[in-house]
Amino acid sequence: MAESRSSLESIRSWVVEHKLRTVGCLWLSGIGSSIAYNWSRPNMKTSVKIIHARLHAQALTLAALAGAAVVEYYDQQSKPRSDVDKYPNQFIAHPQKD
């Protein structure tokens, strides 16, 4: 069980570091698999197959972006608050003089 948690944690940390790459890979695999699926259906025009593939990939991209937002939210929640508050307090403690 501990080994699966460490691999899950390593996957999560990789996704946090490479958000755009993850979304791009999901989009590419989504459009590729959708084109492959649509090409196996013989009663559709080629233009309709391409449009369906694009729509499927677009929906998968939105889901991946939502997932990346959730990962970012939980990553921010897990960090200590002192790191977040350090930067704004720097400007509050030292007001600018005219």
N, C-alpha and C. Protein backbone atom coordinates (compact mmCIF):
# COMPACT_ATOMS: atom_id res chain seq x y z
N MET A 1 0.82 -1.20 0.00
CA MET A 1 0.00 0.00 0.00
C MET A 1 0.86 1.26 0.00
N ALA A 2 1.96 1.24 0.76
CA ALA A 2 2.84 2.41 0.81
C ALA A 2 3.51 2.64 -0.53
N GLU A 3 3.81 1.54 -1.25
CA GLU A 3 4.44 1.69 -2.55
C GLU A 3 3.49 2.31 -3.56
N SER A 4 2.21 1.96 -3.50
CA SER A 4 1.24 2.57 -4.41
C SER A 4 1.02 4.04 -4.08
N ARG A 5 1.07 4.38 -2.81
CA ARG A 5 0.95 5.80 -2.45
C ARG A 5 2.13 6.59 -2.96
N SER A 6 3.33 6.05 -2.89
CA SER A 6 4.49 6.78 -3.35
C SER A 6 4.44 6.95 -4.87
N SER A 7 3.96 5.93 -5.59
CA SER A 7 3.86 6.09 -7.04
C SER A 7 2.75 7.08 -7.39
N LEU A 8 1.65 7.07 -6.64
CA LEU A 8 0.58 8.04 -6.86
C LEU A 8 1.07 9.45 -6.55
N GLU A 9 1.85 9.58 -5.49
CA GLU A 9 2.41 10.88 -5.13
C GLU A 9 3.40 11.36 -6.20
N SER A 10 4.19 10.46 -6.75
CA SER A 10 5.14 10.87 -7.79
C SER A 10 4.41 11.28 -9.06
N ILE A 11 3.31 10.59 -9.40
CA ILE A 11 2.50 10.99 -10.56
C ILE A 11 1.90 12.36 -10.32
N ARG A 12 1.37 12.60 -9.12
CA ARG A 12 0.77 13.89 -8.80
C ARG A 12 1.79 15.01 -8.88
N SER A 13 2.99 14.76 -8.36
CA SER A 13 4.02 15.80 -8.40
C SER A 13 4.46 16.08 -9.83
N TRP A 14 4.50 15.04 -10.69
CA TRP A 14 4.86 15.26 -12.09
C TRP A 14 3.79 16.08 -12.78
N VAL A 15 2.52 15.79 -12.51
CA VAL A 15 1.42 16.55 -13.12
C VAL A 15 1.46 18.00 -12.65
N VAL A 16 1.77 18.23 -11.38
CA VAL A 16 1.86 19.60 -10.86
C VAL A 16 2.97 20.37 -11.57
N GLU A 17 4.10 19.71 -11.83
CA GLU A 17 5.22 20.39 -12.49
C GLU A 17 5.01 20.56 -13.99
N HIS A 18 4.25 19.68 -14.63
CA HIS A 18 4.09 19.69 -16.08
C HIS A 18 2.62 19.75 -16.47
N LYS A 19 1.93 20.76 -16.02
CA LYS A 19 0.48 20.85 -16.27
C LYS A 19 0.16 20.97 -17.76
N LEU A 20 0.81 21.86 -18.45
CA LEU A 20 0.50 22.08 -19.86
C LEU A 20 0.89 20.88 -20.71
N ARG A 21 2.00 20.26 -20.38
CA ARG A 21 2.41 19.06 -21.11
C ARG A 21 1.39 17.94 -20.91
N THR A 22 0.86 17.81 -19.69
CA THR A 22 -0.15 16.80 -19.41
C THR A 22 -1.42 17.07 -20.21
N VAL A 23 -1.87 18.31 -20.22
CA VAL A 23 -3.08 18.65 -20.98
C VAL A 23 -2.84 18.43 -22.48
N GLY A 24 -1.67 18.79 -22.98
CA GLY A 24 -1.36 18.58 -24.40
C GLY A 24 -1.33 17.11 -24.77
N CYS A 25 -0.73 16.30 -23.92
CA CYS A 25 -0.70 14.85 -24.19
C CYS A 25 -2.09 14.25 -24.14
N LEU A 26 -2.91 14.69 -23.20
CA LEU A 26 -4.29 14.20 -23.15
C LEU A 26 -5.06 14.61 -24.39
N TRP A 27 -4.86 15.85 -24.85
CA TRP A 27 -5.54 16.30 -26.05
C TRP A 27 -5.11 15.49 -27.26
N LEU A 28 -3.81 15.27 -27.40
CA LEU A 28 -3.30 14.52 -28.54
C LEU A 28 -3.80 13.08 -28.53
N SER A 29 -3.77 12.45 -27.38
CA SER A 29 -4.27 11.07 -27.31
C SER A 29 -5.78 11.03 -27.51
N GLY A 30 -6.49 12.04 -27.02
CA GLY A 30 -7.94 12.09 -27.22
C GLY A 30 -8.33 12.25 -28.67
N ILE A 31 -7.66 13.16 -29.37
CA ILE A 31 -8.01 13.35 -30.78
C ILE A 31 -7.59 12.15 -31.60
N GLY A 32 -6.47 11.54 -31.27
CA GLY A 32 -6.02 10.34 -31.99
C GLY A 32 -6.98 9.18 -31.81
N SER A 33 -7.38 8.94 -30.57
CA SER A 33 -8.31 7.83 -30.34
C SER A 33 -9.69 8.12 -30.91
N SER A 34 -10.12 9.36 -30.88
CA SER A 34 -11.41 9.71 -31.45
C SER A 34 -11.41 9.56 -32.97
N ILE A 35 -10.32 9.95 -33.61
CA ILE A 35 -10.21 9.76 -35.07
C ILE A 35 -10.21 8.27 -35.38
N ALA A 36 -9.48 7.48 -34.60
CA ALA A 36 -9.46 6.04 -34.84
C ALA A 36 -10.85 5.43 -34.66
N TYR A 37 -11.57 5.87 -33.66
CA TYR A 37 -12.91 5.35 -33.43
C TYR A 37 -13.86 5.77 -34.55
N ASN A 38 -13.82 7.03 -34.93
CA ASN A 38 -14.72 7.53 -35.97
C ASN A 38 -14.41 6.93 -37.34
N TRP A 39 -13.14 6.61 -37.61
CA TRP A 39 -12.79 6.01 -38.89
C TRP A 39 -13.30 4.57 -39.00
N SER A 40 -13.60 3.95 -37.86
CA SER A 40 -14.14 2.59 -37.91
C SER A 40 -15.63 2.59 -38.20
N ARG A 41 -16.26 3.74 -38.20
CA ARG A 41 -17.69 3.86 -38.50
C ARG A 41 -17.85 4.24 -39.97
N PRO A 42 -18.34 3.33 -40.81
CA PRO A 42 -18.33 3.56 -42.26
C PRO A 42 -19.44 4.49 -42.77
N ASN A 43 -20.47 4.76 -42.02
CA ASN A 43 -21.61 5.52 -42.53
C ASN A 43 -21.50 7.02 -42.30
N MET A 44 -20.31 7.52 -42.00
CA MET A 44 -20.14 8.95 -41.75
C MET A 44 -19.24 9.57 -42.81
N LYS A 45 -19.49 10.83 -43.14
CA LYS A 45 -18.61 11.56 -44.05
C LYS A 45 -17.30 11.85 -43.33
N THR A 46 -16.25 12.09 -44.10
CA THR A 46 -14.94 12.39 -43.53
C THR A 46 -14.97 13.69 -42.73
N SER A 47 -15.67 14.69 -43.22
CA SER A 47 -15.74 15.97 -42.51
C SER A 47 -16.44 15.80 -41.16
N VAL A 48 -17.47 14.97 -41.11
CA VAL A 48 -18.18 14.74 -39.84
C VAL A 48 -17.28 13.98 -38.87
N LYS A 49 -16.48 13.05 -39.37
CA LYS A 49 -15.55 12.30 -38.52
C LYS A 49 -14.54 13.24 -37.88
N ILE A 50 -14.02 14.17 -38.69
CA ILE A 50 -13.03 15.12 -38.17
C ILE A 50 -13.67 16.06 -37.15
N ILE A 51 -14.88 16.52 -37.42
CA ILE A 51 -15.57 17.41 -36.49
C ILE A 51 -15.85 16.70 -35.16
N HIS A 52 -16.29 15.45 -35.24
CA HIS A 52 -16.53 14.70 -34.01
C HIS A 52 -15.24 14.48 -33.22
N ALA A 53 -14.16 14.19 -33.93
CA ALA A 53 -12.87 14.00 -33.25
C ALA A 53 -12.44 15.29 -32.55
N ARG A 54 -12.64 16.42 -33.21
CA ARG A 54 -12.28 17.70 -32.59
C ARG A 54 -13.13 17.99 -31.36
N LEU A 55 -14.42 17.70 -31.46
CA LEU A 55 -15.30 17.94 -30.31
C LEU A 55 -14.96 17.03 -29.13
N HIS A 56 -14.65 15.77 -29.42
CA HIS A 56 -14.25 14.87 -28.34
C HIS A 56 -12.95 15.35 -27.67
N ALA A 57 -12.00 15.75 -28.50
CA ALA A 57 -10.73 16.23 -27.95
C ALA A 57 -10.92 17.52 -27.17
N GLN A 58 -11.82 18.37 -27.62
CA GLN A 58 -12.08 19.62 -26.91
C GLN A 58 -12.70 19.34 -25.53
N ALA A 59 -13.63 18.40 -25.48
CA ALA A 59 -14.24 18.04 -24.19
C ALA A 59 -13.20 17.42 -23.26
N LEU A 60 -12.31 16.59 -23.80
CA LEU A 60 -11.26 15.99 -22.98
C LEU A 60 -10.29 17.06 -22.47
N THR A 61 -10.00 18.06 -23.30
CA THR A 61 -9.12 19.15 -22.88
C THR A 61 -9.74 19.95 -21.75
N LEU A 62 -11.02 20.25 -21.85
CA LEU A 62 -11.70 20.97 -20.76
C LEU A 62 -11.67 20.16 -19.47
N ALA A 63 -11.88 18.86 -19.58
CA ALA A 63 -11.82 18.00 -18.39
C ALA A 63 -10.40 17.98 -17.82
N ALA A 64 -9.38 17.95 -18.68
CA ALA A 64 -8.00 17.95 -18.20
C ALA A 64 -7.65 19.28 -17.54
N LEU A 65 -8.13 20.39 -18.09
CA LEU A 65 -7.88 21.69 -17.47
C LEU A 65 -8.57 21.80 -16.11
N ALA A 66 -9.78 21.27 -16.02
CA ALA A 66 -10.47 21.26 -14.74
C ALA A 66 -9.72 20.39 -13.74
N GLY A 67 -9.23 19.27 -14.19
CA GLY A 67 -8.43 18.41 -13.31
C GLY A 67 -7.15 19.09 -12.86
N ALA A 68 -6.49 19.81 -13.77
CA ALA A 68 -5.27 20.55 -13.41
C ALA A 68 -5.59 21.65 -12.41
N ALA A 69 -6.75 22.29 -12.55
CA ALA A 69 -7.15 23.31 -11.59
C ALA A 69 -7.39 22.70 -10.21
N VAL A 70 -8.00 21.53 -10.18
CA VAL A 70 -8.24 20.85 -8.89
C VAL A 70 -6.91 20.46 -8.25
N VAL A 71 -5.98 19.94 -9.05
CA VAL A 71 -4.66 19.58 -8.52
C VAL A 71 -3.95 20.81 -7.99
N GLU A 72 -4.03 21.91 -8.71
CA GLU A 72 -3.39 23.15 -8.26
C GLU A 72 -4.03 23.66 -6.98
N TYR A 73 -5.35 23.57 -6.88
CA TYR A 73 -6.05 24.02 -5.68
C TYR A 73 -5.61 23.21 -4.46
N TYR A 74 -5.60 21.89 -4.60
CA TYR A 74 -5.20 21.05 -3.47
C TYR A 74 -3.72 21.18 -3.16
N ASP A 75 -2.90 21.48 -4.18
CA ASP A 75 -1.49 21.71 -3.93
C ASP A 75 -1.29 23.00 -3.14
N GLN A 76 -2.06 24.03 -3.46
CA GLN A 76 -1.98 25.28 -2.71
C GLN A 76 -2.50 25.13 -1.29
N GLN A 77 -3.52 24.29 -1.10
CA GLN A 77 -4.08 24.07 0.23
C GLN A 77 -3.11 23.30 1.12
N SER A 78 -2.27 22.46 0.52
CA SER A 78 -1.36 21.65 1.33
C SER A 78 -0.11 22.42 1.76
N LYS A 79 0.17 23.54 1.12
CA LYS A 79 1.34 24.34 1.48
C LYS A 79 1.05 25.12 2.76
N PRO A 80 2.08 25.37 3.56
CA PRO A 80 1.86 26.19 4.76
C PRO A 80 1.51 27.63 4.38
N ARG A 81 0.64 28.24 5.14
CA ARG A 81 0.16 29.58 4.85
C ARG A 81 1.22 30.65 5.03
N SER A 82 2.26 30.40 5.80
CA SER A 82 3.28 31.42 6.03
C SER A 82 4.01 31.77 4.73
N ASP A 83 4.19 30.81 3.82
CA ASP A 83 4.85 31.09 2.55
C ASP A 83 3.97 31.98 1.67
N VAL A 84 2.68 31.80 1.74
CA VAL A 84 1.76 32.57 0.92
C VAL A 84 1.67 34.00 1.42
N ASP A 85 1.64 34.19 2.73
CA ASP A 85 1.45 35.50 3.32
C ASP A 85 2.74 36.32 3.41
N LYS A 86 3.87 35.72 3.15
CA LYS A 86 5.14 36.41 3.32
C LYS A 86 5.28 37.58 2.35
N TYR A 87 4.90 37.41 1.09
CA TYR A 87 5.09 38.45 0.08
C TYR A 87 4.21 39.67 0.31
N PRO A 88 2.89 39.54 0.54
CA PRO A 88 2.09 40.75 0.77
C PRO A 88 2.49 41.49 2.05
N ASN A 89 2.87 40.77 3.09
CA ASN A 89 3.26 41.42 4.34
C ASN A 89 4.53 42.24 4.18
N GLN A 90 5.35 41.92 3.22
CA GLN A 90 6.56 42.69 2.97
C GLN A 90 6.19 44.12 2.58
N PHE A 91 5.13 44.27 1.79
CA PHE A 91 4.73 45.61 1.36
C PHE A 91 3.92 46.33 2.42
N ILE A 92 3.22 45.60 3.25
CA ILE A 92 2.45 46.22 4.32
C ILE A 92 3.38 46.74 5.41
N ALA A 93 4.46 46.01 5.71
CA ALA A 93 5.36 46.40 6.78
C ALA A 93 6.22 47.60 6.39
N HIS A 94 6.49 47.80 5.10
CA HIS A 94 7.36 48.89 4.66
C HIS A 94 6.62 49.77 3.66
N PRO A 95 5.80 50.71 4.13
CA PRO A 95 5.07 51.57 3.20
C PRO A 95 6.03 52.50 2.47
N GLN A 96 5.66 52.85 1.27
CA GLN A 96 6.50 53.76 0.47
C GLN A 96 6.35 55.17 1.00
N LYS A 97 7.45 55.90 0.95
CA LYS A 97 7.44 57.30 1.37
C LYS A 97 7.49 58.18 0.15
N ASP A 98 6.75 59.28 0.20
CA ASP A 98 6.75 60.22 -0.93
C ASP A 98 7.88 61.19 -0.84
